[in-house]
N, C-alpha and C. Protein backbone atom coordinates (compact mmCIF):
# COMPACT_ATOMS: atom_id res chain seq x y z
N UNK A 1 154.34 54.47 -47.17
CA UNK A 1 153.85 55.01 -45.91
C UNK A 1 153.65 56.51 -46.10
N UNK A 2 152.48 57.00 -45.77
CA UNK A 2 152.19 58.42 -45.95
C UNK A 2 152.69 59.22 -44.75
N UNK A 3 152.73 60.55 -44.89
CA UNK A 3 153.17 61.40 -43.79
C UNK A 3 152.21 61.31 -42.61
N UNK A 4 150.93 61.07 -42.87
CA UNK A 4 149.97 60.94 -41.78
C UNK A 4 150.28 59.69 -40.96
N UNK A 5 150.62 58.58 -41.64
CA UNK A 5 150.97 57.36 -40.94
C UNK A 5 152.23 57.55 -40.10
N UNK A 6 153.22 58.26 -40.63
CA UNK A 6 154.47 58.49 -39.90
C UNK A 6 154.20 59.33 -38.66
N UNK A 7 153.33 60.32 -38.75
CA UNK A 7 153.02 61.16 -37.60
C UNK A 7 152.31 60.38 -36.52
N UNK A 8 151.37 59.51 -36.89
CA UNK A 8 150.65 58.74 -35.89
C UNK A 8 151.56 57.73 -35.23
N UNK A 9 152.54 57.20 -35.95
CA UNK A 9 153.49 56.26 -35.37
C UNK A 9 154.34 56.94 -34.31
N UNK A 10 154.83 58.15 -34.59
CA UNK A 10 155.67 58.84 -33.61
C UNK A 10 154.83 59.27 -32.41
N UNK A 11 153.55 59.64 -32.64
CA UNK A 11 152.68 59.99 -31.52
C UNK A 11 152.45 58.79 -30.62
N UNK A 12 152.20 57.62 -31.22
CA UNK A 12 151.95 56.43 -30.41
C UNK A 12 153.22 56.01 -29.66
N UNK A 13 154.39 56.19 -30.29
CA UNK A 13 155.63 55.89 -29.60
C UNK A 13 155.85 56.84 -28.45
N UNK A 14 155.46 58.12 -28.62
CA UNK A 14 155.58 59.09 -27.54
C UNK A 14 154.66 58.75 -26.38
N UNK A 15 153.46 58.30 -26.70
CA UNK A 15 152.50 57.90 -25.67
C UNK A 15 153.01 56.67 -24.92
N UNK A 16 153.52 55.71 -25.68
CA UNK A 16 154.04 54.49 -25.06
C UNK A 16 155.25 54.81 -24.17
N UNK A 17 156.13 55.68 -24.68
CA UNK A 17 157.30 56.07 -23.88
C UNK A 17 156.87 56.81 -22.61
N UNK A 18 155.87 57.69 -22.75
CA UNK A 18 155.37 58.40 -21.58
C UNK A 18 154.73 57.46 -20.58
N UNK A 19 153.97 56.48 -21.08
CA UNK A 19 153.34 55.50 -20.19
C UNK A 19 154.39 54.66 -19.49
N UNK A 20 155.43 54.28 -20.22
CA UNK A 20 156.52 53.50 -19.63
C UNK A 20 157.22 54.31 -18.55
N UNK A 21 157.46 55.58 -18.81
CA UNK A 21 158.10 56.45 -17.82
C UNK A 21 157.22 56.58 -16.58
N UNK A 22 155.90 56.72 -16.78
CA UNK A 22 154.97 56.81 -15.67
C UNK A 22 155.03 55.54 -14.82
N UNK A 23 155.04 54.37 -15.48
CA UNK A 23 155.07 53.11 -14.74
C UNK A 23 156.39 52.90 -14.01
N UNK A 24 157.46 53.43 -14.53
CA UNK A 24 158.77 53.21 -13.92
C UNK A 24 159.06 54.14 -12.76
N UNK A 25 158.16 55.11 -12.52
CA UNK A 25 158.36 55.97 -11.36
C UNK A 25 158.31 55.11 -10.12
N UNK A 26 159.12 55.42 -9.15
CA UNK A 26 159.26 54.59 -7.96
C UNK A 26 157.98 54.37 -7.19
N UNK A 27 157.29 55.41 -6.80
CA UNK A 27 156.14 55.25 -5.92
C UNK A 27 155.01 54.49 -6.59
N UNK A 28 154.71 54.76 -7.84
CA UNK A 28 153.61 54.10 -8.53
C UNK A 28 153.93 52.61 -8.67
N UNK A 29 155.14 52.32 -9.09
CA UNK A 29 155.51 50.93 -9.31
C UNK A 29 155.53 50.16 -7.99
N UNK A 30 156.12 50.73 -6.97
CA UNK A 30 156.21 50.05 -5.69
C UNK A 30 154.83 49.81 -5.09
N UNK A 31 153.94 50.79 -5.22
CA UNK A 31 152.60 50.63 -4.69
C UNK A 31 151.84 49.53 -5.43
N UNK A 32 151.93 49.54 -6.75
CA UNK A 32 151.25 48.51 -7.53
C UNK A 32 151.78 47.13 -7.21
N UNK A 33 153.08 47.00 -7.13
CA UNK A 33 153.68 45.71 -6.82
C UNK A 33 153.26 45.25 -5.43
N UNK A 34 153.26 46.15 -4.48
CA UNK A 34 152.89 45.79 -3.11
C UNK A 34 151.44 45.30 -3.04
N UNK A 35 150.55 45.97 -3.73
CA UNK A 35 149.14 45.57 -3.69
C UNK A 35 148.95 44.21 -4.34
N UNK A 36 149.50 44.02 -5.53
CA UNK A 36 149.31 42.77 -6.25
C UNK A 36 149.97 41.60 -5.52
N UNK A 37 151.20 41.77 -5.14
CA UNK A 37 151.90 40.67 -4.49
C UNK A 37 151.33 40.41 -3.10
N UNK A 38 150.96 41.46 -2.40
CA UNK A 38 150.36 41.28 -1.08
C UNK A 38 149.08 40.48 -1.17
N UNK A 39 148.25 40.78 -2.16
CA UNK A 39 147.00 40.04 -2.35
C UNK A 39 147.28 38.59 -2.75
N UNK A 40 148.27 38.40 -3.61
CA UNK A 40 148.57 37.05 -4.09
C UNK A 40 149.17 36.16 -3.00
N UNK A 41 149.97 36.75 -2.14
CA UNK A 41 150.65 35.94 -1.13
C UNK A 41 149.90 35.84 0.19
N UNK A 42 148.76 36.50 0.31
CA UNK A 42 148.03 36.48 1.58
C UNK A 42 147.66 35.06 1.98
N UNK A 43 147.14 34.29 1.05
CA UNK A 43 146.73 32.92 1.40
C UNK A 43 147.94 32.06 1.74
N UNK A 44 149.04 32.26 1.02
CA UNK A 44 150.25 31.49 1.31
C UNK A 44 150.78 31.84 2.69
N UNK A 45 150.85 33.13 2.98
CA UNK A 45 151.37 33.57 4.27
C UNK A 45 150.46 33.10 5.40
N UNK A 46 149.14 33.19 5.19
CA UNK A 46 148.21 32.71 6.22
C UNK A 46 148.43 31.22 6.48
N UNK A 47 148.65 30.45 5.44
CA UNK A 47 148.89 29.01 5.60
C UNK A 47 150.18 28.75 6.36
N UNK A 48 151.22 29.53 6.05
CA UNK A 48 152.49 29.35 6.76
C UNK A 48 152.33 29.72 8.24
N UNK A 49 151.63 30.82 8.51
CA UNK A 49 151.44 31.23 9.91
C UNK A 49 150.65 30.16 10.66
N UNK A 50 149.56 29.70 10.06
CA UNK A 50 148.72 28.71 10.75
C UNK A 50 149.37 27.33 10.80
N UNK A 51 150.13 26.96 9.77
CA UNK A 51 150.70 25.62 9.72
C UNK A 51 152.07 25.49 10.34
N UNK A 52 152.85 26.59 10.39
CA UNK A 52 154.22 26.49 10.92
C UNK A 52 154.40 27.36 12.17
N UNK A 53 154.07 28.62 12.06
CA UNK A 53 154.34 29.55 13.17
C UNK A 53 153.46 29.24 14.38
N UNK A 54 152.16 29.05 14.15
CA UNK A 54 151.28 28.77 15.28
C UNK A 54 151.68 27.51 16.05
N UNK A 55 152.03 26.40 15.38
CA UNK A 55 152.49 25.24 16.16
C UNK A 55 153.78 25.51 16.95
N UNK A 56 154.67 26.34 16.38
CA UNK A 56 155.90 26.68 17.12
C UNK A 56 155.54 27.49 18.35
N UNK A 57 154.66 28.48 18.18
CA UNK A 57 154.21 29.26 19.34
C UNK A 57 153.40 28.37 20.27
N UNK A 58 152.71 27.38 19.70
CA UNK A 58 151.89 26.46 20.49
C UNK A 58 152.70 25.59 21.44
N UNK A 59 153.99 25.53 21.25
CA UNK A 59 154.84 24.79 22.18
C UNK A 59 154.69 25.36 23.59
N UNK A 60 154.45 26.67 23.65
CA UNK A 60 154.33 27.35 24.94
C UNK A 60 152.89 27.42 25.43
N UNK A 61 151.94 26.91 24.65
CA UNK A 61 150.52 26.96 25.03
C UNK A 61 149.72 26.19 24.01
N UNK A 62 148.55 26.74 23.62
CA UNK A 62 147.72 26.06 22.63
C UNK A 62 148.21 26.43 21.22
N UNK A 63 147.85 25.60 20.24
CA UNK A 63 148.26 25.87 18.86
C UNK A 63 147.43 26.97 18.21
N UNK A 64 146.28 27.30 18.78
CA UNK A 64 145.40 28.30 18.22
C UNK A 64 145.70 29.65 18.87
N UNK A 65 146.35 30.53 18.14
CA UNK A 65 146.70 31.85 18.69
C UNK A 65 145.46 32.69 19.00
N UNK A 66 144.35 32.39 18.35
CA UNK A 66 143.14 33.18 18.58
C UNK A 66 142.62 33.03 20.01
N UNK A 67 143.05 32.00 20.71
CA UNK A 67 142.57 31.78 22.09
C UNK A 67 143.50 32.39 23.14
N UNK A 68 144.64 32.94 22.72
CA UNK A 68 145.56 33.54 23.68
C UNK A 68 144.96 34.85 24.18
N UNK A 69 144.91 35.00 25.50
CA UNK A 69 144.36 36.22 26.09
C UNK A 69 144.91 36.41 27.49
N UNK A 70 144.73 37.60 28.00
CA UNK A 70 145.10 37.93 29.38
C UNK A 70 143.90 38.62 30.00
N UNK A 71 143.67 38.34 31.31
CA UNK A 71 142.51 38.90 32.00
C UNK A 71 142.92 40.13 32.80
N UNK A 72 142.03 41.14 32.78
CA UNK A 72 142.23 42.34 33.60
C UNK A 72 141.89 42.06 35.07
N UNK A 73 140.88 41.25 35.25
CA UNK A 73 140.44 40.97 36.62
C UNK A 73 140.97 39.61 37.05
N UNK A 74 140.86 39.35 38.35
CA UNK A 74 141.35 38.06 38.87
C UNK A 74 140.50 36.91 38.35
N UNK A 75 139.20 37.14 38.19
CA UNK A 75 138.30 36.09 37.76
C UNK A 75 138.02 36.25 36.28
N UNK A 76 138.36 35.25 35.50
CA UNK A 76 138.12 35.26 34.07
C UNK A 76 137.66 33.86 33.70
N UNK A 77 136.43 33.74 33.25
CA UNK A 77 135.87 32.45 32.92
C UNK A 77 135.77 32.33 31.40
N UNK A 78 136.17 31.17 30.87
CA UNK A 78 136.09 30.94 29.43
C UNK A 78 135.18 29.76 29.16
N UNK A 79 134.54 29.79 28.01
CA UNK A 79 133.68 28.68 27.58
C UNK A 79 134.55 27.59 26.97
N UNK A 80 133.98 26.43 26.71
CA UNK A 80 134.76 25.36 26.07
C UNK A 80 135.31 25.75 24.69
N UNK A 81 134.64 26.71 24.03
CA UNK A 81 135.12 27.17 22.72
C UNK A 81 136.28 28.15 22.86
N UNK A 82 136.59 28.58 24.08
CA UNK A 82 137.69 29.51 24.31
C UNK A 82 137.27 30.95 24.41
N UNK A 83 135.97 31.24 24.37
CA UNK A 83 135.49 32.62 24.49
C UNK A 83 135.38 33.00 25.95
N UNK A 84 135.73 34.24 26.27
CA UNK A 84 135.65 34.73 27.64
C UNK A 84 134.18 35.05 27.94
N UNK A 85 133.64 34.39 28.97
CA UNK A 85 132.24 34.62 29.33
C UNK A 85 132.12 35.52 30.55
N UNK A 86 133.12 35.56 31.39
CA UNK A 86 133.07 36.40 32.59
C UNK A 86 134.43 37.06 32.77
N UNK A 87 134.42 38.35 33.03
CA UNK A 87 135.65 39.10 33.21
C UNK A 87 136.00 39.88 31.96
N UNK A 88 137.07 40.66 32.06
CA UNK A 88 137.53 41.48 30.95
C UNK A 88 138.88 40.92 30.49
N UNK A 89 138.91 40.53 29.21
CA UNK A 89 140.12 39.91 28.68
C UNK A 89 140.67 40.71 27.51
N UNK A 90 141.98 40.72 27.41
CA UNK A 90 142.67 41.29 26.25
C UNK A 90 143.04 40.13 25.36
N UNK A 91 142.53 40.14 24.14
CA UNK A 91 142.79 39.05 23.18
C UNK A 91 144.04 39.40 22.37
N UNK A 92 145.19 39.07 22.90
CA UNK A 92 146.43 39.43 22.23
C UNK A 92 146.87 38.37 21.23
N UNK A 93 146.31 37.20 21.25
CA UNK A 93 146.65 36.14 20.30
C UNK A 93 146.34 36.51 18.86
N UNK A 94 145.11 36.99 18.57
CA UNK A 94 144.82 37.40 17.18
C UNK A 94 145.71 38.55 16.71
N UNK A 95 146.08 39.45 17.62
CA UNK A 95 146.97 40.55 17.25
C UNK A 95 148.35 40.00 16.88
N UNK A 96 148.84 39.05 17.65
CA UNK A 96 150.14 38.43 17.36
C UNK A 96 150.09 37.71 16.02
N UNK A 97 149.02 36.97 15.77
CA UNK A 97 148.88 36.25 14.50
C UNK A 97 148.84 37.22 13.32
N UNK A 98 148.06 38.30 13.44
CA UNK A 98 147.97 39.29 12.36
C UNK A 98 149.31 39.99 12.14
N UNK A 99 150.03 40.25 13.23
CA UNK A 99 151.34 40.89 13.11
C UNK A 99 152.33 39.98 12.39
N UNK A 100 152.34 38.72 12.74
CA UNK A 100 153.22 37.76 12.06
C UNK A 100 152.88 37.67 10.57
N UNK A 101 151.59 37.65 10.26
CA UNK A 101 151.16 37.61 8.85
C UNK A 101 151.63 38.85 8.11
N UNK A 102 151.47 40.01 8.73
CA UNK A 102 151.89 41.27 8.10
C UNK A 102 153.40 41.29 7.85
N UNK A 103 154.18 40.92 8.86
CA UNK A 103 155.64 40.95 8.73
C UNK A 103 156.10 40.00 7.63
N UNK A 104 155.52 38.83 7.57
CA UNK A 104 155.93 37.87 6.54
C UNK A 104 155.52 38.36 5.14
N UNK A 105 154.32 38.94 5.01
CA UNK A 105 153.89 39.47 3.72
C UNK A 105 154.79 40.61 3.28
N UNK A 106 155.11 41.51 4.20
CA UNK A 106 155.99 42.64 3.88
C UNK A 106 157.37 42.15 3.45
N UNK A 107 157.89 41.13 4.13
CA UNK A 107 159.20 40.59 3.78
C UNK A 107 159.19 39.99 2.37
N UNK A 108 158.14 39.25 2.04
CA UNK A 108 158.04 38.65 0.70
C UNK A 108 157.96 39.75 -0.36
N UNK A 109 157.12 40.76 -0.13
CA UNK A 109 156.99 41.84 -1.10
C UNK A 109 158.31 42.56 -1.27
N UNK A 110 159.00 42.86 -0.17
CA UNK A 110 160.25 43.60 -0.27
C UNK A 110 161.33 42.79 -0.98
N UNK A 111 161.56 41.57 -0.52
CA UNK A 111 162.68 40.80 -1.06
C UNK A 111 162.40 40.22 -2.45
N UNK A 112 161.14 39.96 -2.77
CA UNK A 112 160.83 39.36 -4.07
C UNK A 112 160.57 40.41 -5.15
N UNK A 113 160.11 41.62 -4.77
CA UNK A 113 159.72 42.58 -5.79
C UNK A 113 160.45 43.92 -5.68
N UNK A 114 160.42 44.55 -4.53
CA UNK A 114 160.97 45.90 -4.39
C UNK A 114 162.49 45.90 -4.53
N UNK A 115 163.17 45.01 -3.86
CA UNK A 115 164.63 44.97 -3.92
C UNK A 115 165.13 44.72 -5.35
N UNK A 116 164.60 43.73 -6.07
CA UNK A 116 165.04 43.56 -7.47
C UNK A 116 164.72 44.77 -8.34
N UNK A 117 163.57 45.43 -8.11
CA UNK A 117 163.21 46.61 -8.90
C UNK A 117 164.20 47.74 -8.64
N UNK A 118 164.60 47.94 -7.39
CA UNK A 118 165.59 48.97 -7.07
C UNK A 118 166.94 48.67 -7.72
N UNK A 119 167.34 47.40 -7.73
CA UNK A 119 168.59 47.02 -8.39
C UNK A 119 168.53 47.30 -9.88
N UNK A 120 167.38 47.00 -10.50
CA UNK A 120 167.20 47.27 -11.92
C UNK A 120 167.30 48.76 -12.20
N UNK A 121 166.67 49.56 -11.36
CA UNK A 121 166.72 51.02 -11.53
C UNK A 121 168.15 51.53 -11.37
N UNK A 122 168.92 50.98 -10.44
CA UNK A 122 170.32 51.40 -10.26
C UNK A 122 171.14 51.06 -11.49
N UNK A 123 170.91 49.88 -12.07
CA UNK A 123 171.65 49.49 -13.27
C UNK A 123 171.33 50.41 -14.44
N UNK A 124 170.04 50.77 -14.58
CA UNK A 124 169.64 51.67 -15.66
C UNK A 124 170.24 53.05 -15.45
N UNK A 125 170.29 53.52 -14.21
CA UNK A 125 170.87 54.83 -13.93
C UNK A 125 172.37 54.82 -14.20
N UNK A 126 173.05 53.69 -13.95
CA UNK A 126 174.48 53.61 -14.21
C UNK A 126 174.79 53.64 -15.70
N UNK A 127 173.87 53.15 -16.53
CA UNK A 127 174.08 53.14 -17.97
C UNK A 127 173.87 54.51 -18.60
N UNK A 128 173.07 55.37 -17.96
CA UNK A 128 172.80 56.70 -18.51
C UNK A 128 174.04 57.57 -18.42
N UNK A 129 174.26 58.43 -19.42
CA UNK A 129 175.43 59.31 -19.36
C UNK A 129 175.27 60.31 -18.21
N UNK A 130 176.39 60.66 -17.64
CA UNK A 130 176.38 61.60 -16.52
C UNK A 130 176.11 63.00 -17.06
N UNK A 131 175.14 63.65 -16.48
CA UNK A 131 174.80 65.01 -16.90
C UNK A 131 175.85 65.97 -16.38
N UNK A 132 176.23 66.91 -17.24
CA UNK A 132 177.22 67.88 -16.83
C UNK A 132 176.60 68.87 -15.86
N UNK A 133 177.34 69.18 -14.81
CA UNK A 133 176.85 70.16 -13.85
C UNK A 133 177.21 71.55 -14.34
N UNK A 134 176.35 72.51 -14.10
CA UNK A 134 176.68 73.86 -14.55
C UNK A 134 177.95 74.35 -13.84
N UNK A 135 178.79 74.99 -14.61
CA UNK A 135 180.06 75.46 -14.06
C UNK A 135 179.80 76.59 -13.07
N UNK A 136 180.40 76.48 -11.92
CA UNK A 136 180.26 77.54 -10.93
C UNK A 136 181.22 78.67 -11.30
N UNK A 137 180.89 79.84 -10.82
CA UNK A 137 181.76 80.98 -11.10
C UNK A 137 183.12 80.73 -10.47
N UNK A 138 184.16 80.95 -11.26
CA UNK A 138 185.50 80.72 -10.74
C UNK A 138 185.90 81.88 -9.85
N UNK A 139 186.95 81.69 -9.15
CA UNK A 139 187.46 82.72 -8.24
C UNK A 139 187.81 84.00 -8.99
N UNK A 140 188.41 83.83 -10.16
CA UNK A 140 188.82 85.00 -10.95
C UNK A 140 187.59 85.79 -11.41
N UNK A 141 186.53 85.07 -11.84
CA UNK A 141 185.31 85.76 -12.26
C UNK A 141 184.69 86.53 -11.11
N UNK A 142 184.66 85.92 -9.92
CA UNK A 142 184.11 86.61 -8.76
C UNK A 142 184.93 87.84 -8.40
N UNK A 143 186.25 87.72 -8.42
CA UNK A 143 187.10 88.85 -8.11
C UNK A 143 186.93 89.96 -9.15
N UNK A 144 186.74 89.57 -10.41
CA UNK A 144 186.52 90.57 -11.47
C UNK A 144 185.21 91.32 -11.22
N UNK A 145 184.17 90.62 -10.83
CA UNK A 145 182.90 91.27 -10.53
C UNK A 145 183.03 92.23 -9.35
N UNK A 146 183.73 91.81 -8.32
CA UNK A 146 183.93 92.67 -7.14
C UNK A 146 184.71 93.92 -7.54
N UNK A 147 185.76 93.74 -8.33
CA UNK A 147 186.55 94.88 -8.79
C UNK A 147 185.70 95.86 -9.58
N UNK A 148 184.89 95.36 -10.51
CA UNK A 148 184.03 96.22 -11.33
C UNK A 148 183.03 96.99 -10.46
N UNK A 149 182.49 96.33 -9.44
CA UNK A 149 181.54 97.01 -8.56
C UNK A 149 182.24 98.09 -7.74
N UNK A 150 183.44 97.81 -7.27
CA UNK A 150 184.18 98.82 -6.50
C UNK A 150 184.54 100.02 -7.37
N UNK A 151 184.96 99.77 -8.60
CA UNK A 151 185.31 100.85 -9.53
C UNK A 151 184.06 101.68 -9.82
N UNK A 152 182.94 101.02 -10.02
CA UNK A 152 181.70 101.72 -10.32
C UNK A 152 181.28 102.58 -9.13
N UNK A 153 181.45 102.09 -7.93
CA UNK A 153 181.09 102.87 -6.73
C UNK A 153 182.00 104.08 -6.59
N UNK A 154 183.27 103.91 -6.86
CA UNK A 154 184.21 105.01 -6.75
C UNK A 154 183.91 106.10 -7.77
N UNK A 155 183.44 105.73 -8.95
CA UNK A 155 183.12 106.69 -10.00
C UNK A 155 181.74 107.31 -9.82
N UNK A 156 181.01 106.92 -8.76
CA UNK A 156 179.71 107.51 -8.49
C UNK A 156 178.57 106.87 -9.23
N UNK A 157 178.75 105.69 -9.71
CA UNK A 157 177.68 104.99 -10.40
C UNK A 157 177.32 103.73 -9.61
N UNK A 158 176.10 103.26 -9.78
CA UNK A 158 175.66 102.04 -9.12
C UNK A 158 175.81 100.89 -10.10
N UNK A 159 176.50 99.83 -9.69
CA UNK A 159 176.66 98.71 -10.62
C UNK A 159 175.33 97.99 -10.83
N UNK A 160 175.11 97.55 -12.05
CA UNK A 160 173.90 96.77 -12.34
C UNK A 160 174.26 95.29 -12.31
N UNK A 161 173.24 94.45 -12.32
CA UNK A 161 173.46 93.00 -12.24
C UNK A 161 174.15 92.43 -13.47
N UNK A 162 173.99 93.09 -14.61
CA UNK A 162 174.57 92.52 -15.83
C UNK A 162 176.00 93.00 -16.09
N UNK A 163 176.61 93.64 -15.11
CA UNK A 163 177.99 94.05 -15.25
C UNK A 163 178.15 95.51 -15.67
N UNK A 164 177.09 96.15 -16.15
CA UNK A 164 177.15 97.56 -16.54
C UNK A 164 176.94 98.45 -15.31
N UNK A 165 176.88 99.73 -15.49
CA UNK A 165 176.66 100.63 -14.38
C UNK A 165 175.48 101.52 -14.66
N UNK A 166 174.80 101.91 -13.60
CA UNK A 166 173.69 102.82 -13.69
C UNK A 166 174.11 104.10 -12.97
N UNK A 167 173.77 105.24 -13.50
CA UNK A 167 174.15 106.49 -12.81
C UNK A 167 173.39 106.62 -11.49
N UNK A 168 174.06 107.13 -10.48
CA UNK A 168 173.42 107.32 -9.19
C UNK A 168 172.65 108.63 -9.19
N UNK A 169 171.60 108.66 -8.42
CA UNK A 169 170.80 109.89 -8.32
C UNK A 169 171.30 110.68 -7.14
N UNK A 170 171.53 112.00 -7.35
CA UNK A 170 172.03 112.83 -6.27
C UNK A 170 171.09 113.93 -5.99
């Protein structure tokens, strides 16, 4: 293996490691997962809403949520297809159906993808060594600095930030 081959191998490993780090960032990964899983489960969720939820809601009325509406005026006439022909109606059935579809899709995405990804990230973080925190100035160091500044002031010099003194101008 030549030195050129060794250099290209380490460069490709660096690129792969960088790409892996980019993909493992929370927002990018969560967004990608949400889009893919949301698209994949849309037909399943729509089928569940239309096949299970709508009939349950239909116990209180019709099975087709798209026909649920409320009229603003006293007179509201509907056609045999369920469309409002006279009066002003609020079609709240389609909104309810879309809301149920959204909530179910969000639940599937969260519990099937986001929650396990967060658990994986927590496990990886627990395996990493704990980074040492920078030591804060101890009480003795602070008192020493205060003493040096007071001594410098008494001697007519201005203390500098690095612990030395600067002569005062008179």
